[in-house]
Structures are given as structure tokens and as C-alpha cells.
Amino acid sequence: MAEGRSTGRLSARFRAANFPRKRADGALVPEFRGVLETDGGAAVLFEWQGLAEPNETGRRRLLGSLVHMTDDTRYRWLNDRVCAIEGEVRPRTDGSGSEVVFEVSEMVWEGVP
């Protein structure tokens, strides 16, 4: 189980389960499914798929895509969005393991020239 906090346009607590696969080259293919519980009381389901591989510092870099689903009218706009994830797995400053830090960006369709 993963737990944490989302800040920004969507402020929420999240809980998720990961169903990762490990490739022969050592890269991980995470697959998270969970729920965001917004500060306003809405529930937003999410699914995150991607790639986690070591970078030059030895930390794992994260890339992925994220989709949401909710019936709460305040956040229904998320149902029609695909988001990109970029981040890394970092050691905790207190030495108690690691934490995942990432940014989520909305992908915008601009049409094919």
C-alpha cells in the first residue's frame, strides 16, 4: 500500500495499491490503482501506469500516465483528462526508507499539423 498527499489544483489524501512487474533489465513497470480523498470530501479513483528505472544518481526515475474517474460534479472534468507523471524515488532524510516524489501534468491536445 502507498499513502500520501497531493497538493496543488487537487489537494487530497491518497491511498493506492501497486501491482508492479520487473523487466529482465531491472526496470520496474508500476501499476497503481487507488483513491484520492479530496479536502472537500470527494472521492476520485485513479490509475497510474509507467516506468521506473535507475538514473545516473542511482535513484529510480519515474515516468508514467495517469487517468481519473469520479462522479463528483466538482471534479468530473478529470474524467476527460490524461495526465503525465515525472518524478523519482528518493531516500528519506531521516533514513527510514524512501519516498516517491512526482509532478502530474495535464496533457493538452493541440491537433496534428
PDB file of N, CA and C in Angstrom:
ATOM      1  N   MET A   1       0.838  -1.185   0.000  1.00  0.00           N
ATOM      2  CA  MET A   1       0.000   0.000   0.000  1.00  0.00           C
ATOM      3  C   MET A   1       0.876   1.238   0.000  1.00  0.00           C
ATOM      4  N   ALA A   2       0.438   2.224  -0.725  1.00  0.00           N
ATOM      5  CA  ALA A   2       1.102   3.518  -0.749  1.00  0.00           C
ATOM      6  C   ALA A   2       0.115   4.555  -0.225  1.00  0.00           C
ATOM      7  N   GLU A   3       0.612   5.475   0.573  1.00  0.00           N
ATOM      8  CA  GLU A   3      -0.216   6.551   1.091  1.00  0.00           C
ATOM      9  C   GLU A   3       0.551   7.842   0.963  1.00  0.00           C
ATOM     10  N   GLY A   4      -0.181   8.937   0.796  1.00  0.00           N
ATOM     11  CA  GLY A   4       0.488  10.216   0.696  1.00  0.00           C
ATOM     12  C   GLY A   4      -0.488  11.351   0.545  1.00  0.00           C
ATOM     13  N   ARG A   5       0.048  12.450   0.047  1.00  0.00           N
ATOM     14  CA  ARG A   5      -0.725  13.677  -0.065  1.00  0.00           C
ATOM     15  C   ARG A   5      -0.473  14.310  -1.420  1.00  0.00           C
ATOM     16  N   SER A   6      -1.533  14.807  -2.027  1.00  0.00           N
ATOM     17  CA  SER A   6      -1.474  15.541  -3.283  1.00  0.00           C
ATOM     18  C   SER A   6      -1.738  17.009  -2.968  1.00  0.00           C
ATOM     19  N   THR A   7      -0.915  17.900  -3.517  1.00  0.00           N
ATOM     20  CA  THR A   7      -1.134  19.330  -3.320  1.00  0.00           C
ATOM     21  C   THR A   7      -1.214  20.009  -4.680  1.00  0.00           C
ATOM     22  N   GLY A   8      -1.781  21.188  -4.718  1.00  0.00           N
ATOM     23  CA  GLY A   8      -1.923  21.909  -5.977  1.00  0.00           C
ATOM     24  C   GLY A   8      -3.383  22.031  -6.341  1.00  0.00           C
ATOM     25  N   ARG A   9      -3.677  21.880  -7.628  1.00  0.00           N
ATOM     26  CA  ARG A   9      -5.059  22.030  -8.102  1.00  0.00           C
ATOM     27  C   ARG A   9      -5.997  21.005  -7.462  1.00  0.00           C
ATOM     28  N   LEU A  10      -5.453  19.854  -7.103  1.00  0.00           N
ATOM     29  CA  LEU A  10      -6.223  18.801  -6.440  1.00  0.00           C
ATOM     30  C   LEU A  10      -5.543  18.475  -5.109  1.00  0.00           C
ATOM     31  N   SER A  11      -6.041  19.053  -4.029  1.00  0.00           N
ATOM     32  CA  SER A  11      -5.498  18.792  -2.699  1.00  0.00           C
ATOM     33  C   SER A  11      -6.249  17.626  -2.089  1.00  0.00           C
ATOM     34  N   ALA A  12      -5.513  16.563  -1.805  1.00  0.00           N
ATOM     35  CA  ALA A  12      -6.180  15.341  -1.347  1.00  0.00           C
ATOM     36  C   ALA A  12      -5.203  14.409  -0.653  1.00  0.00           C
ATOM     37  N   ARG A  13      -5.755  13.495   0.089  1.00  0.00           N
ATOM     38  CA  ARG A  13      -5.013  12.365   0.642  1.00  0.00           C
ATOM     39  C   ARG A  13      -5.215  11.224  -0.339  1.00  0.00           C
ATOM     40  N   PHE A  14      -4.161  10.423  -0.580  1.00  0.00           N
ATOM     41  CA  PHE A  14      -4.358   9.281  -1.468  1.00  0.00           C
ATOM     42  C   PHE A  14      -3.891   7.993  -0.824  1.00  0.00           C
ATOM     43  N   ARG A  15      -4.537   6.921  -1.253  1.00  0.00           N
ATOM     44  CA  ARG A  15      -4.155   5.558  -0.884  1.00  0.00           C
ATOM     45  C   ARG A  15      -4.229   4.723  -2.142  1.00  0.00           C
ATOM     46  N   ALA A  16      -3.229   3.863  -2.327  1.00  0.00           N
ATOM     47  CA  ALA A  16      -3.190   3.075  -3.558  1.00  0.00           C
ATOM     48  C   ALA A  16      -2.458   1.765  -3.330  1.00  0.00           C
ATOM     49  N   ALA A  17      -2.718   0.822  -4.208  1.00  0.00           N
ATOM     50  CA  ALA A  17      -2.002  -0.450  -4.233  1.00  0.00           C
ATOM     51  C   ALA A  17      -1.214  -0.510  -5.541  1.00  0.00           C
ATOM     52  N   ASN A  18      -0.030  -1.078  -5.481  1.00  0.00           N
ATOM     53  CA  ASN A  18       0.826  -1.198  -6.658  1.00  0.00           C
ATOM     54  C   ASN A  18       0.896  -2.660  -7.068  1.00  0.00           C
ATOM     55  N   PHE A  19       0.795  -2.903  -8.363  1.00  0.00           N
ATOM     56  CA  PHE A  19       0.916  -4.235  -8.933  1.00  0.00           C
ATOM     57  C   PHE A  19       2.083  -4.212  -9.919  1.00  0.00           C
ATOM     58  N   PRO A  20       3.334  -4.043  -9.419  1.00  0.00           N
ATOM     59  CA  PRO A  20       4.474  -3.849 -10.318  1.00  0.00           C
ATOM     60  C   PRO A  20       4.942  -5.138 -10.968  1.00  0.00           C
ATOM     61  N   ARG A  21       5.579  -4.957 -12.116  1.00  0.00           N
ATOM     62  CA  ARG A  21       6.278  -6.052 -12.784  1.00  0.00           C
ATOM     63  C   ARG A  21       7.726  -5.624 -12.944  1.00  0.00           C
ATOM     64  N   LYS A  22       8.629  -6.580 -12.913  1.00  0.00           N
ATOM     65  CA  LYS A  22      10.045  -6.276 -13.093  1.00  0.00           C
ATOM     66  C   LYS A  22      10.495  -6.831 -14.433  1.00  0.00           C
ATOM     67  N   ARG A  23      11.106  -5.967 -15.240  1.00  0.00           N
ATOM     68  CA  ARG A  23      11.607  -6.390 -16.539  1.00  0.00           C
ATOM     69  C   ARG A  23      12.957  -7.088 -16.374  1.00  0.00           C
ATOM     70  N   ALA A  24      13.363  -7.812 -17.392  1.00  0.00           N
ATOM     71  CA  ALA A  24      14.640  -8.530 -17.361  1.00  0.00           C
ATOM     72  C   ALA A  24      15.818  -7.588 -17.179  1.00  0.00           C
ATOM     73  N   ASP A  25      15.696  -6.324 -17.626  1.00  0.00           N
ATOM     74  CA  ASP A  25      16.793  -5.365 -17.495  1.00  0.00           C
ATOM     75  C   ASP A  25      16.803  -4.650 -16.143  1.00  0.00           C
ATOM     76  N   GLY A  26      15.908  -5.030 -15.221  1.00  0.00           N
ATOM     77  CA  GLY A  26      15.873  -4.453 -13.887  1.00  0.00           C
ATOM     78  C   GLY A  26      14.913  -3.290 -13.720  1.00  0.00           C
ATOM     79  N   ALA A  27      14.389  -2.753 -14.803  1.00  0.00           N
ATOM     80  CA  ALA A  27      13.417  -1.660 -14.704  1.00  0.00           C
ATOM     81  C   ALA A  27      12.106  -2.205 -14.136  1.00  0.00           C
ATOM     82  N   LEU A  28      11.416  -1.368 -13.393  1.00  0.00           N
ATOM     83  CA  LEU A  28      10.110  -1.738 -12.851  1.00  0.00           C
ATOM     84  C   LEU A  28       9.014  -1.094 -13.682  1.00  0.00           C
ATOM     85  N   VAL A  29       7.905  -1.800 -13.807  1.00  0.00           N
ATOM     86  CA  VAL A  29       6.733  -1.290 -14.508  1.00  0.00           C
ATOM     87  C   VAL A  29       5.611  -1.204 -13.466  1.00  0.00           C
ATOM     88  N   PRO A  30       5.498  -0.032 -12.798  1.00  0.00           N
ATOM     89  CA  PRO A  30       4.477   0.101 -11.758  1.00  0.00           C
ATOM     90  C   PRO A  30       3.074   0.209 -12.352  1.00  0.00           C
ATOM     91  N   GLU A  31       2.117  -0.251 -11.582  1.00  0.00           N
ATOM     92  CA  GLU A  31       0.704  -0.111 -11.938  1.00  0.00           C
ATOM     93  C   GLU A  31      -0.058   0.142 -10.644  1.00  0.00           C
ATOM     94  N   PHE A  32      -0.312   1.413 -10.385  1.00  0.00           N
ATOM     95  CA  PHE A  32      -1.006   1.823  -9.167  1.00  0.00           C
ATOM     96  C   PHE A  32      -2.484   2.031  -9.452  1.00  0.00           C
ATOM     97  N   ARG A  33      -3.301   1.604  -8.517  1.00  0.00           N
ATOM     98  CA  ARG A  33      -4.735   1.885  -8.541  1.00  0.00           C
ATOM     99  C   ARG A  33      -5.110   2.330  -7.139  1.00  0.00           C
ATOM    100  N   GLY A  34      -5.866   3.431  -7.070  1.00  0.00           N
ATOM    101  CA  GLY A  34      -6.198   3.924  -5.746  1.00  0.00           C
ATOM    102  C   GLY A  34      -7.277   4.979  -5.766  1.00  0.00           C
ATOM    103  N   VAL A  35      -7.357   5.689  -4.641  1.00  0.00           N
ATOM    104  CA  VAL A  35      -8.378   6.721  -4.472  1.00  0.00           C
ATOM    105  C   VAL A  35      -7.742   7.963  -3.871  1.00  0.00           C
ATOM    106  N   LEU A  36      -8.169   9.101  -4.408  1.00  0.00           N
ATOM    107  CA  LEU A  36      -7.855  10.402  -3.829  1.00  0.00           C
ATOM    108  C   LEU A  36      -9.074  10.822  -3.028  1.00  0.00           C
ATOM    109  N   GLU A  37      -8.867  11.179  -1.764  1.00  0.00           N
ATOM    110  CA  GLU A  37      -9.948  11.715  -0.937  1.00  0.00           C
ATOM    111  C   GLU A  37      -9.672  13.202  -0.785  1.00  0.00           C
ATOM    112  N   THR A  38     -10.404  14.034  -1.542  1.00  0.00           N
ATOM    113  CA  THR A  38     -10.106  15.462  -1.579  1.00  0.00           C
ATOM    114  C   THR A  38     -10.425  16.123  -0.241  1.00  0.00           C
ATOM    115  N   ASP A  39      -9.806  17.287  -0.038  1.00  0.00           N
ATOM    116  CA  ASP A  39     -10.068  18.042   1.189  1.00  0.00           C
ATOM    117  C   ASP A  39     -11.529  18.450   1.290  1.00  0.00           C
ATOM    118  N   GLY A  40     -12.227  18.495   0.144  1.00  0.00           N
ATOM    119  CA  GLY A  40     -13.649  18.821   0.122  1.00  0.00           C
ATOM    120  C   GLY A  40     -14.568  17.628   0.256  1.00  0.00           C
ATOM    121  N   GLY A  41     -14.007  16.428   0.451  1.00  0.00           N
ATOM    122  CA  GLY A  41     -14.823  15.245   0.684  1.00  0.00           C
ATOM    123  C   GLY A  41     -15.163  14.415  -0.536  1.00  0.00           C
ATOM    124  N   ALA A  42     -14.617  14.729  -1.698  1.00  0.00           N
ATOM    125  CA  ALA A  42     -14.892  13.940  -2.906  1.00  0.00           C
ATOM    126  C   ALA A  42     -13.963  12.735  -2.984  1.00  0.00           C
ATOM    127  N   ALA A  43     -14.424  11.684  -3.628  1.00  0.00           N
ATOM    128  CA  ALA A  43     -13.605  10.506  -3.913  1.00  0.00           C
ATOM    129  C   ALA A  43     -13.305  10.483  -5.404  1.00  0.00           C
ATOM    130  N   VAL A  44     -12.024  10.378  -5.745  1.00  0.00           N
ATOM    131  CA  VAL A  44     -11.581  10.324  -7.136  1.00  0.00           C
ATOM    132  C   VAL A  44     -10.709   9.086  -7.294  1.00  0.00           C
ATOM    133  N   LEU A  45     -11.158   8.130  -8.098  1.00  0.00           N
ATOM    134  CA  LEU A  45     -10.366   6.938  -8.366  1.00  0.00           C
ATOM    135  C   LEU A  45      -9.289   7.290  -9.390  1.00  0.00           C
ATOM    136  N   PHE A  46      -8.135   6.615  -9.295  1.00  0.00           N
ATOM    137  CA  PHE A  46      -7.092   6.869 -10.276  1.00  0.00           C
ATOM    138  C   PHE A  46      -6.337   5.593 -10.618  1.00  0.00           C
ATOM    139  N   GLU A  47      -5.728   5.620 -11.807  1.00  0.00           N
ATOM    140  CA  GLU A  47      -4.881   4.524 -12.268  1.00  0.00           C
ATOM    141  C   GLU A  47      -3.629   5.140 -12.880  1.00  0.00           C
ATOM    142  N   TRP A  48      -2.488   4.670 -12.410  1.00  0.00           N
ATOM    143  CA  TRP A  48      -1.197   5.198 -12.837  1.00  0.00           C
ATOM    144  C   TRP A  48      -0.353   4.037 -13.346  1.00  0.00           C
ATOM    145  N   GLN A  49       0.116   4.137 -14.583  1.00  0.00           N
ATOM    146  CA  GLN A  49       0.992   3.128 -15.173  1.00  0.00           C
ATOM    147  C   GLN A  49       2.239   3.816 -15.680  1.00  0.00           C
ATOM    148  N   GLY A  50       3.362   3.112 -15.642  1.00  0.00           N
ATOM    149  CA  GLY A  50       4.561   3.786 -16.121  1.00  0.00           C
ATOM    150  C   GLY A  50       5.801   2.929 -16.124  1.00  0.00           C
ATOM    151  N   LEU A  51       6.915   3.611 -15.879  1.00  0.00           N
ATOM    152  CA  LEU A  51       8.237   3.009 -15.930  1.00  0.00           C
ATOM    153  C   LEU A  51       9.066   3.599 -14.807  1.00  0.00           C
ATOM    154  N   ALA A  52       9.796   2.762 -14.097  1.00  0.00           N
ATOM    155  CA  ALA A  52      10.705   3.200 -13.035  1.00  0.00           C
ATOM    156  C   ALA A  52      12.043   2.517 -13.274  1.00  0.00           C
ATOM    157  N   GLU A  53      13.049   3.321 -13.607  1.00  0.00           N
ATOM    158  CA  GLU A  53      14.371   2.761 -13.865  1.00  0.00           C
ATOM    159  C   GLU A  53      15.430   3.625 -13.203  1.00  0.00           C
ATOM    160  N   PRO A  54      16.567   3.035 -12.855  1.00  0.00           N
ATOM    161  CA  PRO A  54      17.618   3.818 -12.183  1.00  0.00           C
ATOM    162  C   PRO A  54      18.152   4.922 -13.091  1.00  0.00           C
ATOM    163  N   ASN A  55      18.437   6.081 -12.467  1.00  0.00           N
ATOM    164  CA  ASN A  55      19.075   7.157 -13.222  1.00  0.00           C
ATOM    165  C   ASN A  55      20.557   7.220 -12.837  1.00  0.00           C
ATOM    166  N   GLU A  56      21.257   8.235 -13.292  1.00  0.00           N
ATOM    167  CA  GLU A  56      22.699   8.327 -13.059  1.00  0.00           C
ATOM    168  C   GLU A  56      23.077   8.500 -11.588  1.00  0.00           C
ATOM    169  N   THR A  57      22.140   8.934 -10.728  1.00  0.00           N
ATOM    170  CA  THR A  57      22.422   9.085  -9.295  1.00  0.00           C
ATOM    171  C   THR A  57      22.122   7.798  -8.522  1.00  0.00           C
ATOM    172  N   GLY A  58      21.543   6.788  -9.187  1.00  0.00           N
ATOM    173  CA  GLY A  58      21.164   5.557  -8.519  1.00  0.00           C
ATOM    174  C   GLY A  58      19.721   5.555  -8.038  1.00  0.00           C
ATOM    175  N   ARG A  59      19.100   6.711  -8.044  1.00  0.00           N
ATOM    176  CA  ARG A  59      17.673   6.778  -7.700  1.00  0.00           C
ATOM    177  C   ARG A  59      16.863   6.271  -8.886  1.00  0.00           C
ATOM    178  N   ARG A  60      15.642   5.862  -8.617  1.00  0.00           N
ATOM    179  CA  ARG A  60      14.764   5.440  -9.715  1.00  0.00           C
ATOM    180  C   ARG A  60      14.000   6.638 -10.237  1.00  0.00           C
ATOM    181  N   ARG A  61      14.098   6.877 -11.547  1.00  0.00           N
ATOM    182  CA  ARG A  61      13.290   7.927 -12.161  1.00  0.00           C
ATOM    183  C   ARG A  61      11.960   7.323 -12.568  1.00  0.00           C
ATOM    184  N   LEU A  62      10.928   8.131 -12.509  1.00  0.00           N
ATOM    185  CA  LEU A  62       9.574   7.674 -12.790  1.00  0.00           C
ATOM    186  C   LEU A  62       8.990   8.451 -13.956  1.00  0.00           C
ATOM    187  N   LEU A  63       8.380   7.741 -14.865  1.00  0.00           N
ATOM    188  CA  LEU A  63       7.621   8.332 -15.960  1.00  0.00           C
ATOM    189  C   LEU A  63       6.331   7.537 -16.072  1.00  0.00           C
ATOM    190  N   GLY A  64       5.244   8.211 -16.384  1.00  0.00           N
ATOM    191  CA  GLY A  64       4.008   7.450 -16.499  1.00  0.00           C
ATOM    192  C   GLY A  64       2.839   8.264 -16.974  1.00  0.00           C
ATOM    193  N   SER A  65       1.714   7.576 -17.063  1.00  0.00           N
ATOM    194  CA  SER A  65       0.454   8.217 -17.425  1.00  0.00           C
ATOM    195  C   SER A  65      -0.554   7.956 -16.310  1.00  0.00           C
ATOM    196  N   LEU A  66      -1.509   8.865 -16.202  1.00  0.00           N
ATOM    197  CA  LEU A  66      -2.459   8.833 -15.102  1.00  0.00           C
ATOM    198  C   LEU A  66      -3.838   9.210 -15.627  1.00  0.00           C
ATOM    199  N   VAL A  67      -4.837   8.426 -15.249  1.00  0.00           N
ATOM    200  CA  VAL A  67      -6.229   8.759 -15.568  1.00  0.00           C
ATOM    201  C   VAL A  67      -7.036   8.706 -14.270  1.00  0.00           C
ATOM    202  N   HIS A  68      -8.137   9.464 -14.267  1.00  0.00           N
ATOM    203  CA  HIS A  68      -9.002   9.573 -13.091  1.00  0.00           C
ATOM    204  C   HIS A  68     -10.437   9.238 -13.459  1.00  0.00           C
ATOM    205  N   MET A  69     -11.234   8.933 -12.421  1.00  0.00           N
ATOM    206  CA  MET A  69     -12.663   8.710 -12.619  1.00  0.00           C
ATOM    207  C   MET A  69     -13.396   9.099 -11.332  1.00  0.00           C
ATOM    208  N   THR A  70     -14.424   9.936 -11.492  1.00  0.00           N
ATOM    209  CA  THR A  70     -15.232  10.341 -10.349  1.00  0.00           C
ATOM    210  C   THR A  70     -16.638  10.697 -10.817  1.00  0.00           C
ATOM    211  N   ASP A  71     -17.591  10.613  -9.894  1.00  0.00           N
ATOM    212  CA  ASP A  71     -18.938  11.084 -10.212  1.00  0.00           C
ATOM    213  C   ASP A  71     -19.241  12.381  -9.477  1.00  0.00           C
ATOM    214  N   ASP A  72     -18.265  12.925  -8.747  1.00  0.00           N
ATOM    215  CA  ASP A  72     -18.428  14.196  -8.053  1.00  0.00           C
ATOM    216  C   ASP A  72     -18.371  15.328  -9.073  1.00  0.00           C
ATOM    217  N   THR A  73     -19.422  16.159  -9.129  1.00  0.00           N
ATOM    218  CA  THR A  73     -19.511  17.201 -10.163  1.00  0.00           C
ATOM    219  C   THR A  73     -18.357  18.198 -10.091  1.00  0.00           C
ATOM    220  N   ARG A  74     -17.766  18.425  -8.924  1.00  0.00           N
ATOM    221  CA  ARG A  74     -16.661  19.371  -8.795  1.00  0.00           C
ATOM    222  C   ARG A  74     -15.395  18.899  -9.507  1.00  0.00           C
ATOM    223  N   TYR A  75     -15.263  17.596  -9.683  1.00  0.00           N
ATOM    224  CA  TYR A  75     -14.033  17.034 -10.256  1.00  0.00           C
ATOM    225  C   TYR A  75     -14.291  16.205 -11.505  1.00  0.00           C
ATOM    226  N   ARG A  76     -15.519  16.250 -12.029  1.00  0.00           N
ATOM    227  CA  ARG A  76     -15.860  15.446 -13.195  1.00  0.00           C
ATOM    228  C   ARG A  76     -14.983  15.779 -14.404  1.00  0.00           C
ATOM    229  N   TRP A  77     -14.438  16.980 -14.479  1.00  0.00           N
ATOM    230  CA  TRP A  77     -13.543  17.366 -15.574  1.00  0.00           C
ATOM    231  C   TRP A  77     -12.345  16.424 -15.675  1.00  0.00           C
ATOM    232  N   LEU A  78     -11.946  15.816 -14.555  1.00  0.00           N
ATOM    233  CA  LEU A  78     -10.817  14.881 -14.561  1.00  0.00           C
ATOM    234  C   LEU A  78     -11.095  13.623 -15.385  1.00  0.00           C
ATOM    235  N   ASN A  79     -12.363  13.250 -15.516  1.00  0.00           N
ATOM    236  CA  ASN A  79     -12.713  12.041 -16.262  1.00  0.00           C
ATOM    237  C   ASN A  79     -12.281  12.116 -17.718  1.00  0.00           C
ATOM    238  N   ASP A  80     -12.132  13.324 -18.255  1.00  0.00           N
ATOM    239  CA  ASP A  80     -11.789  13.520 -19.664  1.00  0.00           C
ATOM    240  C   ASP A  80     -10.355  13.977 -19.866  1.00  0.00           C
ATOM    241  N   ARG A  81      -9.502  13.740 -18.890  1.00  0.00           N
ATOM    242  CA  ARG A  81      -8.109  14.168 -18.980  1.00  0.00           C
ATOM    243  C   ARG A  81      -7.170  12.969 -18.894  1.00  0.00           C
ATOM    244  N   VAL A  82      -6.058  13.078 -19.599  1.00  0.00           N
ATOM    245  CA  VAL A  82      -4.940  12.148 -19.445  1.00  0.00           C
ATOM    246  C   VAL A  82      -3.784  12.986 -18.940  1.00  0.00           C
ATOM    247  N   CYS A  83      -3.107  12.497 -17.922  1.00  0.00           N
ATOM    248  CA  CYS A  83      -2.014  13.249 -17.313  1.00  0.00           C
ATOM    249  C   CYS A  83      -0.697  12.494 -17.469  1.00  0.00           C
ATOM    250  N   ALA A  84       0.385  13.258 -17.427  1.00  0.00           N
ATOM    251  CA  ALA A  84       1.731  12.692 -17.467  1.00  0.00           C
ATOM    252  C   ALA A  84       2.347  12.834 -16.079  1.00  0.00           C
ATOM    253  N   ILE A  85       3.152  11.833 -15.703  1.00  0.00           N
ATOM    254  CA  ILE A  85       3.840  11.835 -14.413  1.00  0.00           C
ATOM    255  C   ILE A  85       5.335  11.823 -14.663  1.00  0.00           C
ATOM    256  N   GLU A  86       6.053  12.642 -13.869  1.00  0.00           N
ATOM    257  CA  GLU A  86       7.507  12.654 -13.893  1.00  0.00           C
ATOM    258  C   GLU A  86       7.979  12.802 -12.453  1.00  0.00           C
ATOM    259  N   GLY A  87       8.907  11.957 -12.035  1.00  0.00           N
ATOM    260  CA  GLY A  87       9.391  12.054 -10.659  1.00  0.00           C
ATOM    261  C   GLY A  87      10.509  11.086 -10.388  1.00  0.00           C
ATOM    262  N   GLU A  88      10.734  10.817  -9.078  1.00  0.00           N
ATOM    263  CA  GLU A  88      11.784   9.880  -8.690  1.00  0.00           C
ATOM    264  C   GLU A  88      11.516   9.322  -7.303  1.00  0.00           C
ATOM    265  N   VAL A  89      12.189   8.223  -7.004  1.00  0.00           N
ATOM    266  CA  VAL A  89      12.161   7.626  -5.678  1.00  0.00           C
ATOM    267  C   VAL A  89      13.392   8.151  -4.952  1.00  0.00           C
ATOM    268  N   ARG A  90      13.186   8.805  -3.810  1.00  0.00           N
ATOM    269  CA  ARG A  90      14.270   9.426  -3.050  1.00  0.00           C
ATOM    270  C   ARG A  90      14.393   8.801  -1.671  1.00  0.00           C
ATOM    271  N   PRO A  91      15.622   8.743  -1.138  1.00  0.00           N
ATOM    272  CA  PRO A  91      15.757   8.286   0.252  1.00  0.00           C
ATOM    273  C   PRO A  91      15.186   9.351   1.197  1.00  0.00           C
ATOM    274  N   ARG A  92      14.536   8.911   2.268  1.00  0.00           N
ATOM    275  CA  ARG A  92      14.010   9.857   3.257  1.00  0.00           C
ATOM    276  C   ARG A  92      15.182  10.500   4.009  1.00  0.00           C
ATOM    277  N   THR A  93      15.019  11.749   4.376  1.00  0.00           N
ATOM    278  CA  THR A  93      16.093  12.470   5.072  1.00  0.00           C
ATOM    279  C   THR A  93      16.390  11.882   6.442  1.00  0.00           C
ATOM    280  N   ASP A  94      15.409  11.214   7.068  1.00  0.00           N
ATOM    281  CA  ASP A  94      15.643  10.622   8.389  1.00  0.00           C
ATOM    282  C   ASP A  94      16.181   9.193   8.306  1.00  0.00           C
ATOM    283  N   GLY A  95      16.430   8.702   7.068  1.00  0.00           N
ATOM    284  CA  GLY A  95      16.986   7.365   6.890  1.00  0.00           C
ATOM    285  C   GLY A  95      16.003   6.229   7.040  1.00  0.00           C
ATOM    286  N   SER A  96      14.705   6.525   7.093  1.00  0.00           N
ATOM    287  CA  SER A  96      13.690   5.485   7.335  1.00  0.00           C
ATOM    288  C   SER A  96      13.114   4.896   6.054  1.00  0.00           C
ATOM    289  N   GLY A  97      13.904   4.760   5.026  1.00  0.00           N
ATOM    290  CA  GLY A  97      13.410   4.191   3.778  1.00  0.00           C
ATOM    291  C   GLY A  97      13.407   5.223   2.675  1.00  0.00           C
ATOM    292  N   SER A  98      12.421   5.114   1.788  1.00  0.00           N
ATOM    293  CA  SER A  98      12.370   6.027   0.651  1.00  0.00           C
ATOM    294  C   SER A  98      10.967   6.590   0.473  1.00  0.00           C
ATOM    295  N   GLU A  99      10.901   7.644  -0.344  1.00  0.00           N
ATOM    296  CA  GLU A  99       9.622   8.259  -0.662  1.00  0.00           C
ATOM    297  C   GLU A  99       9.571   8.523  -2.159  1.00  0.00           C
ATOM    298  N   VAL A 100       8.351   8.554  -2.686  1.00  0.00           N
ATOM    299  CA  VAL A 100       8.140   8.835  -4.099  1.00  0.00           C
ATOM    300  C   VAL A 100       7.681  10.285  -4.225  1.00  0.00           C
ATOM    301  N   VAL A 101       8.390  11.039  -5.053  1.00  0.00           N
ATOM    302  CA  VAL A 101       8.059  12.443  -5.280  1.00  0.00           C
ATOM    303  C   VAL A 101       7.840  12.609  -6.774  1.00  0.00           C
ATOM    304  N   PHE A 102       6.677  13.171  -7.173  1.00  0.00           N
ATOM    305  CA  PHE A 102       6.429  13.335  -8.597  1.00  0.00           C
ATOM    306  C   PHE A 102       5.513  14.518  -8.853  1.00  0.00           C
ATOM    307  N   GLU A 103       5.544  14.979 -10.087  1.00  0.00           N
ATOM    308  CA  GLU A 103       4.649  16.026 -10.552  1.00  0.00           C
ATOM    309  C   GLU A 103       3.712  15.437 -11.591  1.00  0.00           C
ATOM    310  N   VAL A 104       2.488  15.922 -11.580  1.00  0.00           N
ATOM    311  CA  VAL A 104       1.481  15.489 -12.544  1.00  0.00           C
ATOM    312  C   VAL A 104       1.144  16.673 -13.434  1.00  0.00           C
ATOM    313  N   SER A 105       1.162  16.449 -14.737  1.00  0.00           N
ATOM    314  CA  SER A 105       0.838  17.495 -15.706  1.00  0.00           C
ATOM    315  C   SER A 105      -0.290  17.025 -16.611  1.00  0.00           C
ATOM    316  N   GLU A 106      -1.231  17.913 -16.855  1.00  0.00           N
ATOM    317  CA  GLU A 106      -2.323  17.599 -17.760  1.00  0.00           C
ATOM    318  C   GLU A 106      -1.817  17.650 -19.197  1.00  0.00           C
ATOM    319  N   MET A 107      -2.099  16.619 -19.962  1.00  0.00           N
ATOM    320  CA  MET A 107      -1.739  16.619 -21.374  1.00  0.00           C
ATOM    321  C   MET A 107      -2.834  17.357 -22.138  1.00  0.00           C
ATOM    322  N   VAL A 108      -2.426  18.216 -23.068  1.00  0.00           N
ATOM    323  CA  VAL A 108      -3.362  19.042 -23.809  1.00  0.00           C
ATOM    324  C   VAL A 108      -3.275  18.702 -25.291  1.00  0.00           C
ATOM    325  N   TRP A 109      -4.418  18.407 -25.892  1.00  0.00           N
ATOM    326  CA  TRP A 109      -4.463  18.090 -27.317  1.00  0.00           C
ATOM    327  C   TRP A 109      -4.459  19.382 -28.108  1.00  0.00           C
ATOM    328  N   GLU A 110      -3.525  19.520 -29.022  1.00  0.00           N
ATOM    329  CA  GLU A 110      -3.443  20.729 -29.840  1.00  0.00           C
ATOM    330  C   GLU A 110      -3.646  20.445 -31.314  1.00  0.00           C
ATOM    331  N   GLY A 111      -3.922  19.216 -31.663  1.00  0.00           N
ATOM    332  CA  GLY A 111      -4.149  18.862 -33.056  1.00  0.00           C
ATOM    333  C   GLY A 111      -2.851  18.564 -33.791  1.00  0.00           C
ATOM    334  N   VAL A 112      -2.955  17.753 -34.798  1.00  0.00           N
ATOM    335  CA  VAL A 112      -1.789  17.366 -35.610  1.00  0.00           C
ATOM    336  C   VAL A 112      -1.684  18.333 -36.774  1.00  0.00           C
ATOM    337  N   PRO A 113      -0.497  18.964 -36.951  1.00  0.00           N
ATOM    338  CA  PRO A 113      -0.367  19.930 -38.059  1.00  0.00           C
ATOM    339  C   PRO A 113      -0.413  19.261 -39.427  1.00  0.00           C
TER     340      PRO A 113
END
